[in-house]
Amino acid sequence: MNADEHADPAVDAFVSHRNLLFTVAYEMLGSTMDAEDVLQETWLRWADVDLAAVQDPRAYLVRITTRQSLNRLRAVGRRRESYVGPWLPEPLLTAPDVADDVELAESVSTAMLLVLETLTPTERAVFVLREVFDLAYDEIADAVDKSPAAVRQIAHRARAHVTARRPRARVSPADARRVLDAFQRAVGTGDVQGLLDILAPDVVFIGDGGGIKQAVLRPVAGADRVARLLASAEARTAALAMRPAEVNGCPALVLRFDGEIDTVVTLRIDDGLVTALYAVRNPEKLSHLRRETAVRRWK
């Protein structure tokens, strides 16, 4: 018997759209663990659907994913209020083809995810579905239980809010590699001047240890302060293996100690200079990276 005769249409539809659904959930939540949980909940609901009544499986799956993400976002928002120190999104390894898609790379960047954190849950859902995935207003209305007219107003408000805060133009791959190489050399040798050469005057360093690992409890601002902070960590950094990577569509360093991931530092680069550094040390946010899986484009 041909294997195709055993194909399950529900499984096929879910698998074919899984990358899209994961990205929707991740951009809504900033957490791979929560996004995976949402996908599991989405599948359980999708498996019970009468497919004969579904005209557009992609839109239906996005609607389920969005609703489950909204439910979880409202729940995790309360947890984040008691989080120790700054909260950063979970680092997400991104495949090279993500960097080729400027809009997608920007939408999963740490800088953009932090901007999305300043939106209400509904505003965030509408912005992500409209601006990133280009869904029609009536499709979004079904997903967030609002009228199309209300969704248009929410989209306009969210777009204006994000535009005022969004990252600047993306850096070219060649410039990103040059800055990352210089950053890695300077950090590895404790070279303060080398760091000052690539740090923007108003650079900000944000650390996330979650109260589990040592990390700065407040953002550190200014090139001199950030350079000295990084240089002072030379002794500890020397014991770590540093590997370049692409994380959330941006250049990053993955630091390992005794083979285990210790820290992921992501760089935001504007006009050839590092304008922000995001250092995640919370082991609960790094455990998924051991699988070395990378998100890819769904298009």
Protein backbone atom coordinates (compact mmCIF):
# COMPACT_ATOMS: atom_id res chain seq x y z
CA MET A 1 0.00 0.00 0.00
CA ASN A 2 1.30 3.43 -0.90
CA ALA A 3 2.50 5.49 2.09
CA ASP A 4 0.50 8.46 0.78
CA GLU A 5 -2.70 6.53 1.48
CA HIS A 6 -1.89 6.80 5.19
CA ALA A 7 -1.33 10.58 5.06
CA ASP A 8 -3.28 12.52 7.67
CA PRO A 9 -4.52 15.86 6.25
CA ALA A 10 -4.58 17.42 9.74
CA VAL A 11 -0.95 16.44 10.39
CA ASP A 12 0.14 17.58 6.90
CA ALA A 13 -1.49 21.00 7.31
CA PHE A 14 -0.03 21.51 10.77
CA VAL A 15 3.48 20.46 9.78
CA SER A 16 3.46 22.58 6.62
CA HIS A 17 2.60 25.71 8.63
CA ARG A 18 4.57 24.91 11.79
CA ASN A 19 7.39 27.40 11.16
CA LEU A 20 4.86 30.16 10.62
CA LEU A 21 2.90 29.24 13.75
CA PHE A 22 6.03 29.05 15.88
CA THR A 23 7.16 32.48 14.70
CA VAL A 24 3.75 33.99 15.44
CA ALA A 25 3.83 32.53 18.97
CA TYR A 26 7.47 33.52 19.58
CA GLU A 27 6.92 37.11 18.46
CA MET A 28 3.89 37.28 20.70
CA LEU A 29 5.66 35.81 23.73
CA GLY A 30 9.42 36.27 23.36
CA SER A 31 9.89 32.74 24.71
CA THR A 32 10.64 29.56 22.81
CA MET A 33 9.37 27.40 25.68
CA ASP A 34 6.05 29.24 25.80
CA ALA A 35 5.85 29.21 21.99
CA GLU A 36 6.34 25.44 21.92
CA ASP A 37 3.62 25.05 24.57
CA VAL A 38 1.29 27.18 22.46
CA LEU A 39 1.99 25.00 19.43
CA GLN A 40 1.14 21.91 21.47
CA GLU A 41 -2.15 23.50 22.55
CA THR A 42 -2.81 24.57 18.97
CA TRP A 43 -2.29 21.02 17.72
CA LEU A 44 -4.65 19.54 20.33
CA ARG A 45 -7.40 21.91 19.20
CA TRP A 46 -6.62 21.48 15.51
CA ALA A 47 -6.77 17.68 15.81
CA ASP A 48 -10.42 17.94 16.92
CA VAL A 49 -11.49 20.22 14.06
CA ASP A 50 -13.74 18.97 11.24
CA LEU A 51 -11.44 19.73 8.30
CA ALA A 52 -14.33 19.57 5.86
CA ALA A 53 -15.64 22.79 7.39
CA VAL A 54 -12.27 24.61 7.16
CA GLN A 55 -11.83 26.71 4.02
CA ASP A 56 -8.35 28.04 4.81
CA PRO A 57 -6.24 25.80 7.12
CA ARG A 58 -3.45 28.41 7.37
CA ALA A 59 -5.79 31.16 8.57
CA TYR A 60 -7.56 28.76 10.94
CA LEU A 61 -4.26 27.61 12.49
CA VAL A 62 -3.01 31.19 12.85
CA ARG A 63 -6.28 32.07 14.59
CA ILE A 64 -5.89 29.23 17.10
CA THR A 65 -2.23 30.09 17.69
CA THR A 66 -2.99 33.77 18.21
CA ARG A 67 -5.74 33.08 20.73
CA GLN A 68 -3.58 30.65 22.68
CA SER A 69 -0.67 33.11 22.60
CA LEU A 70 -2.91 35.89 23.93
CA ASN A 71 -4.06 33.68 26.80
CA ARG A 72 -0.48 32.80 27.69
CA LEU A 73 0.78 36.37 27.25
CA ARG A 74 -1.70 37.63 29.82
CA ALA A 75 -0.59 34.90 32.23
CA VAL A 76 3.17 35.38 31.81
CA GLY A 77 2.79 39.14 32.13
CA ARG A 78 2.03 38.63 35.80
CA ARG A 79 5.13 36.44 36.22
CA ARG A 80 7.36 39.03 34.60
CA GLU A 81 6.27 41.66 37.10
CA SER A 82 8.18 39.74 39.80
CA TYR A 83 11.16 38.82 37.59
CA VAL A 84 14.58 39.50 39.19
CA GLY A 85 16.48 42.10 37.18
CA PRO A 86 15.86 43.04 33.54
CA TRP A 87 13.80 40.62 31.44
CA LEU A 88 15.08 39.72 27.97
CA PRO A 89 13.50 37.46 25.33
CA GLU A 90 14.86 33.93 25.09
CA PRO A 91 17.70 33.84 22.52
CA LEU A 92 16.59 32.23 19.28
CA LEU A 93 19.12 30.82 16.84
CA THR A 94 18.19 31.98 13.36
CA ALA A 95 19.23 30.36 10.09
CA PRO A 96 21.11 32.44 7.47
CA ASP A 97 18.00 32.74 5.28
CA VAL A 98 16.31 34.74 8.03
CA ALA A 99 18.92 37.49 7.69
CA ASP A 100 18.07 37.67 3.98
CA ASP A 101 14.47 38.56 4.88
CA VAL A 102 14.88 42.07 6.33
CA GLU A 103 11.34 42.32 7.73
CA LEU A 104 11.45 38.91 9.40
CA ALA A 105 14.94 39.48 10.81
CA GLU A 106 13.88 42.80 12.31
CA SER A 107 10.67 41.36 13.74
CA VAL A 108 12.49 38.65 15.75
CA SER A 109 15.36 40.92 16.83
CA THR A 110 15.77 41.40 20.56
CA ALA A 111 15.41 45.16 20.11
CA MET A 112 12.06 44.78 18.35
CA LEU A 113 10.78 42.18 20.82
CA LEU A 114 11.53 44.61 23.65
CA VAL A 115 9.53 47.27 21.81
CA LEU A 116 6.63 44.82 21.41
CA GLU A 117 6.73 44.27 25.18
CA THR A 118 5.49 47.85 25.58
CA LEU A 119 2.25 47.09 23.70
CA THR A 120 -0.90 45.64 25.22
CA PRO A 121 -1.48 41.94 24.38
CA THR A 122 -4.14 42.78 21.77
CA GLU A 123 -2.02 45.55 20.22
CA ARG A 124 0.90 43.15 20.01
CA ALA A 125 -1.18 40.47 18.32
CA VAL A 126 -2.63 42.93 15.79
CA PHE A 127 0.78 44.47 15.03
CA VAL A 128 2.49 41.10 14.54
CA LEU A 129 -0.27 39.66 12.35
CA ARG A 130 -0.63 42.78 10.22
CA GLU A 131 2.88 44.23 9.97
CA VAL A 132 4.91 41.01 9.98
CA PHE A 133 2.60 38.45 8.41
CA ASP A 134 0.43 40.82 6.32
CA LEU A 135 -2.85 39.23 7.32
CA ALA A 136 -6.06 40.91 6.21
CA TYR A 137 -7.96 42.93 8.79
CA ASP A 138 -10.93 40.55 8.75
CA GLU A 139 -8.63 37.58 9.42
CA ILE A 140 -7.04 39.41 12.34
CA ALA A 141 -10.49 40.37 13.62
CA ASP A 142 -11.42 36.69 13.83
CA ALA A 143 -8.20 35.91 15.69
CA VAL A 144 -8.53 38.63 18.34
CA ASP A 145 -12.34 38.72 18.60
CA LYS A 146 -12.66 42.33 17.45
CA SER A 147 -14.45 43.98 14.55
CA PRO A 148 -12.40 44.78 11.43
CA ALA A 149 -12.95 48.50 12.11
CA ALA A 150 -11.62 48.14 15.65
CA VAL A 151 -8.63 46.16 14.37
CA ARG A 152 -7.79 48.95 11.92
CA GLN A 153 -7.73 51.45 14.78
CA ILE A 154 -5.62 49.16 16.96
CA ALA A 155 -3.20 48.54 14.07
CA HIS A 156 -2.82 52.28 13.47
CA ARG A 157 -2.16 52.94 17.16
CA ALA A 158 0.30 50.05 17.50
CA ARG A 159 2.14 51.00 14.31
CA ALA A 160 2.65 54.57 15.49
CA HIS A 161 3.84 53.33 18.89
CA VAL A 162 6.36 50.89 17.38
CA THR A 163 7.56 53.30 14.68
CA ALA A 164 8.58 55.81 17.33
CA ARG A 165 10.67 53.17 19.12
CA ARG A 166 11.74 50.64 16.49
CA PRO A 167 15.43 49.93 15.71
CA ARG A 168 17.15 51.88 13.00
CA ALA A 169 18.16 50.52 9.59
CA ARG A 170 19.74 47.08 9.49
CA VAL A 171 23.48 46.68 9.11
CA SER A 172 25.00 44.83 6.15
CA PRO A 173 26.27 41.26 6.78
CA ALA A 174 29.85 42.39 6.05
CA ASP A 175 29.68 45.23 8.59
CA ALA A 176 28.01 42.97 11.14
CA ARG A 177 30.80 40.40 10.80
CA ARG A 178 33.49 43.09 11.04
CA VAL A 179 32.02 44.56 14.22
CA LEU A 180 31.41 41.14 15.76
CA ASP A 181 35.01 40.03 15.06
CA ALA A 182 36.36 43.24 16.61
CA PHE A 183 34.06 42.84 19.60
CA GLN A 184 35.12 39.23 20.15
CA ARG A 185 38.82 40.17 20.03
CA ALA A 186 38.41 43.09 22.42
CA VAL A 187 36.32 41.13 24.93
CA GLY A 188 38.69 38.17 24.80
CA THR A 189 41.72 40.33 25.58
CA GLY A 190 40.14 42.94 27.86
CA ASP A 191 41.04 45.66 25.35
CA VAL A 192 39.19 48.77 26.61
CA GLN A 193 40.27 50.96 23.69
CA GLY A 194 39.29 48.26 21.22
CA LEU A 195 35.84 48.22 22.79
CA LEU A 196 35.55 52.00 22.77
CA ASP A 197 36.34 51.96 19.05
CA ILE A 198 33.20 49.96 18.27
CA LEU A 199 30.78 51.05 21.00
CA ALA A 200 28.40 53.92 20.33
CA PRO A 201 28.64 56.74 22.89
CA ASP A 202 25.12 55.94 24.17
CA VAL A 203 25.48 52.14 24.08
CA VAL A 204 23.40 50.19 26.61
CA PHE A 205 24.28 46.83 28.18
CA ILE A 206 21.38 44.75 29.52
CA GLY A 207 21.94 41.50 31.41
CA ASP A 208 19.42 38.81 32.28
CA GLY A 209 20.33 36.27 34.94
CA GLY A 210 16.80 35.78 36.20
CA GLY A 211 18.04 35.75 39.79
CA ILE A 212 19.75 32.42 39.05
CA LYS A 213 23.04 33.55 37.50
CA GLN A 214 25.02 36.68 38.32
CA ALA A 215 24.10 39.56 36.04
CA VAL A 216 23.76 43.34 36.21
CA LEU A 217 20.46 44.20 37.87
CA ARG A 218 20.10 47.48 35.97
CA PRO A 219 21.04 48.49 32.43
CA VAL A 220 24.55 49.96 32.12
CA ALA A 221 24.69 52.98 29.79
CA GLY A 222 27.58 54.81 28.13
CA ALA A 223 30.58 53.57 26.16
CA ASP A 224 33.13 54.04 28.94
CA ARG A 225 31.08 52.22 31.59
CA VAL A 226 30.14 49.38 29.25
CA ALA A 227 33.72 48.96 27.99
CA ARG A 228 35.10 48.76 31.52
CA LEU A 229 32.38 46.32 32.55
CA LEU A 230 33.25 44.02 29.65
CA ALA A 231 37.01 44.41 30.15
CA SER A 232 36.67 43.60 33.86
CA ALA A 233 35.14 40.25 32.89
CA GLU A 234 38.27 39.26 30.90
CA ALA A 235 39.46 36.71 33.48
CA ARG A 236 36.11 34.90 33.45
CA THR A 237 35.70 35.30 29.70
CA ALA A 238 39.15 33.77 29.08
CA ALA A 239 37.86 30.49 30.51
CA LEU A 240 34.92 30.50 28.12
CA ALA A 241 34.82 29.27 24.55
CA MET A 242 33.32 31.99 22.37
CA ARG A 243 31.58 31.10 19.12
CA PRO A 244 30.00 33.56 16.67
CA ALA A 245 26.36 32.90 15.88
CA GLU A 246 23.26 34.53 14.49
CA VAL A 247 20.69 35.04 17.23
CA ASN A 248 17.34 36.70 16.68
CA GLY A 249 18.55 37.75 13.23
CA CYS A 250 21.54 39.64 14.69
CA PRO A 251 25.26 38.93 15.25
CA ALA A 252 25.97 37.29 18.59
CA LEU A 253 28.49 35.36 20.66
CA VAL A 254 27.63 32.07 22.34
CA LEU A 255 29.89 31.57 25.38
CA ARG A 256 30.42 28.06 26.74
CA PHE A 257 31.99 26.84 29.96
CA ASP A 258 32.95 23.16 30.16
CA GLY A 259 30.91 22.55 27.03
CA GLU A 260 27.70 24.04 28.45
CA ILE A 261 26.22 27.32 27.20
CA ASP A 262 26.89 29.96 29.85
CA THR A 263 25.91 33.22 28.15
CA VAL A 264 24.51 34.47 24.86
CA VAL A 265 25.42 38.05 23.96
CA THR A 266 23.52 39.63 21.08
CA LEU A 267 24.71 42.84 19.45
CA ARG A 268 22.54 45.61 18.07
CA ILE A 269 24.55 47.52 15.48
CA ASP A 270 23.62 50.91 14.00
CA ASP A 271 25.82 52.89 11.62
CA GLY A 272 28.78 50.58 12.21
CA LEU A 273 28.72 50.88 16.01
CA VAL A 274 27.29 48.69 18.77
CA THR A 275 24.31 50.53 20.26
CA ALA A 276 23.03 47.78 22.55
CA LEU A 277 24.27 44.52 24.07
CA TYR A 278 21.84 41.90 25.36
CA ALA A 279 23.45 39.25 27.59
CA VAL A 280 21.25 36.32 28.61
CA ARG A 281 22.63 34.09 31.39
CA ASN A 282 19.42 32.68 32.87
CA PRO A 283 19.92 28.92 32.30
CA GLU A 284 16.18 28.41 31.92
CA LYS A 285 16.33 30.60 28.82
CA LEU A 286 19.37 28.82 27.37
CA SER A 287 18.41 25.16 27.78
CA HIS A 288 16.65 24.97 24.41
CA LEU A 289 19.82 26.10 22.62
CA ARG A 290 21.49 22.78 23.37
CA ARG A 291 19.43 21.33 20.54
CA GLU A 292 21.10 23.86 18.23
CA THR A 293 17.87 24.24 16.25
CA ALA A 294 17.38 27.38 14.21
CA VAL A 295 14.21 29.09 13.09
CA ARG A 296 13.88 29.44 9.32
CA ARG A 297 11.72 31.39 6.94
CA TRP A 298 8.29 29.91 6.30
CA LYS A 299 7.86 31.52 2.88
